[in-house]
Amino acid sequence: MPMQQNELERLIKEAFPDATIEIRDLAGDGDHYAAHVVSGAFKGKSRVEQHQMVYSALKGQMGDVLHALALTTAIPQD
């Protein structure tokens, strides 16, 4: 069963309450999303570490319920 877009956003927001999140369903099938996540929690982290943090927030559903996620991350600009 595909992951609903609101569930994806909920999991990320749960881990990063300050986050600004933009999600797009790339194929209209609930299996292929693009997400842009901006959070202060990423400050001082490498891009790889930031992505690992987001994947961790998905609680093991990446590669299972969620097939593909084109992920970009950033820290808030002052």
C-alpha atoms as a PDB file:
ATOM      1  CA  MET A   1       0.000   0.000   0.000  1.00  0.00           C
ATOM      2  CA  PRO A   2       1.461   3.388  -0.969  1.00  0.00           C
ATOM      3  CA  MET A   3       2.197   6.058   1.599  1.00  0.00           C
ATOM      4  CA  GLN A   4      -0.176   8.992   1.642  1.00  0.00           C
ATOM      5  CA  GLN A   5       1.394  12.414   1.215  1.00  0.00           C
ATOM      6  CA  ASN A   6      -0.067  13.667   4.504  1.00  0.00           C
ATOM      7  CA  GLU A   7       1.460  10.680   6.343  1.00  0.00           C
ATOM      8  CA  LEU A   8       4.879  11.461   4.880  1.00  0.00           C
ATOM      9  CA  GLU A   9       4.548  15.065   5.997  1.00  0.00           C
ATOM     10  CA  ARG A  10       3.311  14.018   9.459  1.00  0.00           C
ATOM     11  CA  LEU A  11       6.319  11.756  10.073  1.00  0.00           C
ATOM     12  CA  ILE A  12       8.782  14.459   9.044  1.00  0.00           C
ATOM     13  CA  LYS A  13       6.982  17.152  11.063  1.00  0.00           C
ATOM     14  CA  GLU A  14       6.933  14.854  14.102  1.00  0.00           C
ATOM     15  CA  ALA A  15      10.736  14.607  13.984  1.00  0.00           C
ATOM     16  CA  PHE A  16      11.318  18.247  12.996  1.00  0.00           C
ATOM     17  CA  PRO A  17       8.559  20.412  14.518  1.00  0.00           C
ATOM     18  CA  ASP A  18      10.152  23.624  13.177  1.00  0.00           C
ATOM     19  CA  ALA A  19      10.349  22.287   9.620  1.00  0.00           C
ATOM     20  CA  THR A  20       8.962  23.860   6.507  1.00  0.00           C
ATOM     21  CA  ILE A  21       8.062  20.961   4.242  1.00  0.00           C
ATOM     22  CA  GLU A  22       7.149  20.901   0.560  1.00  0.00           C
ATOM     23  CA  ILE A  23       6.103  17.554  -0.887  1.00  0.00           C
ATOM     24  CA  ARG A  24       5.218  16.674  -4.475  1.00  0.00           C
ATOM     25  CA  ASP A  25       3.869  13.348  -5.714  1.00  0.00           C
ATOM     26  CA  LEU A  26       6.061  12.811  -8.765  1.00  0.00           C
ATOM     27  CA  ALA A  27       4.131   9.999 -10.432  1.00  0.00           C
ATOM     28  CA  GLY A  28       0.641  10.275  -8.930  1.00  0.00           C
ATOM     29  CA  ASP A  29       1.004   6.810  -7.437  1.00  0.00           C
ATOM     30  CA  GLY A  30       1.890   7.560  -3.805  1.00  0.00           C
ATOM     31  CA  ASP A  31       5.195   5.747  -4.243  1.00  0.00           C
ATOM     32  CA  HIS A  32       7.404   8.458  -5.752  1.00  0.00           C
ATOM     33  CA  TYR A  33       7.717  11.763  -3.935  1.00  0.00           C
ATOM     34  CA  ALA A  34       9.979  14.783  -3.926  1.00  0.00           C
ATOM     35  CA  ALA A  35      10.394  16.509  -0.583  1.00  0.00           C
ATOM     36  CA  HIS A  36      12.146  19.727   0.384  1.00  0.00           C
ATOM     37  CA  VAL A  37      12.674  20.019   4.143  1.00  0.00           C
ATOM     38  CA  VAL A  38      14.023  23.139   5.859  1.00  0.00           C
ATOM     39  CA  SER A  39      14.869  22.783   9.562  1.00  0.00           C
ATOM     40  CA  GLY A  40      17.194  24.335  12.112  1.00  0.00           C
ATOM     41  CA  ALA A  41      17.988  20.781  13.256  1.00  0.00           C
ATOM     42  CA  PHE A  42      20.174  20.437  10.158  1.00  0.00           C
ATOM     43  CA  LYS A  43      22.559  23.206  11.229  1.00  0.00           C
ATOM     44  CA  GLY A  44      26.148  21.967  11.362  1.00  0.00           C
ATOM     45  CA  LYS A  45      25.250  18.688   9.665  1.00  0.00           C
ATOM     46  CA  SER A  46      26.530  17.532   6.289  1.00  0.00           C
ATOM     47  CA  ARG A  47      24.006  17.001   3.493  1.00  0.00           C
ATOM     48  CA  VAL A  48      24.357  13.235   3.950  1.00  0.00           C
ATOM     49  CA  GLU A  49      23.679  13.553   7.700  1.00  0.00           C
ATOM     50  CA  GLN A  50      20.649  15.748   7.000  1.00  0.00           C
ATOM     51  CA  HIS A  51      19.219  13.162   4.628  1.00  0.00           C
ATOM     52  CA  GLN A  52      19.918  10.364   7.102  1.00  0.00           C
ATOM     53  CA  MET A  53      17.988  12.334   9.726  1.00  0.00           C
ATOM     54  CA  VAL A  54      14.960  12.583   7.441  1.00  0.00           C
ATOM     55  CA  TYR A  55      15.137   8.903   6.457  1.00  0.00           C
ATOM     56  CA  SER A  56      15.314   8.030  10.153  1.00  0.00           C
ATOM     57  CA  ALA A  57      12.162  10.096  10.741  1.00  0.00           C
ATOM     58  CA  LEU A  58      10.368   7.831   8.245  1.00  0.00           C
ATOM     59  CA  LYS A  59      10.738   4.970  10.743  1.00  0.00           C
ATOM     60  CA  GLY A  60      11.934   2.294   8.330  1.00  0.00           C
ATOM     61  CA  GLN A  61       9.238   2.898   5.718  1.00  0.00           C
ATOM     62  CA  MET A  62      11.686   4.119   3.055  1.00  0.00           C
ATOM     63  CA  GLY A  63      12.156   1.343   0.506  1.00  0.00           C
ATOM     64  CA  ASP A  64       9.100  -0.496   1.842  1.00  0.00           C
ATOM     65  CA  VAL A  65       5.876   1.513   1.910  1.00  0.00           C
ATOM     66  CA  LEU A  66       7.622   4.468   0.295  1.00  0.00           C
ATOM     67  CA  HIS A  67       9.461   3.410  -2.858  1.00  0.00           C
ATOM     68  CA  ALA A  68      11.298   6.610  -3.842  1.00  0.00           C
ATOM     69  CA  LEU A  69      11.978   9.979  -2.279  1.00  0.00           C
ATOM     70  CA  ALA A  70      13.884  12.723  -4.091  1.00  0.00           C
ATOM     71  CA  LEU A  71      15.034  14.641  -1.033  1.00  0.00           C
ATOM     72  CA  THR A  72      16.521  18.095  -0.639  1.00  0.00           C
ATOM     73  CA  THR A  73      17.272  19.651   2.738  1.00  0.00           C
ATOM     74  CA  ALA A  74      18.353  23.064   3.948  1.00  0.00           C
ATOM     75  CA  ILE A  75      18.749  25.164   7.062  1.00  0.00           C
ATOM     76  CA  PRO A  76      16.592  28.282   7.487  1.00  0.00           C
ATOM     77  CA  GLN A  77      18.077  31.473   6.123  1.00  0.00           C
ATOM     78  CA  ASP A  78      18.108  34.358   8.594  1.00  0.00           C
END
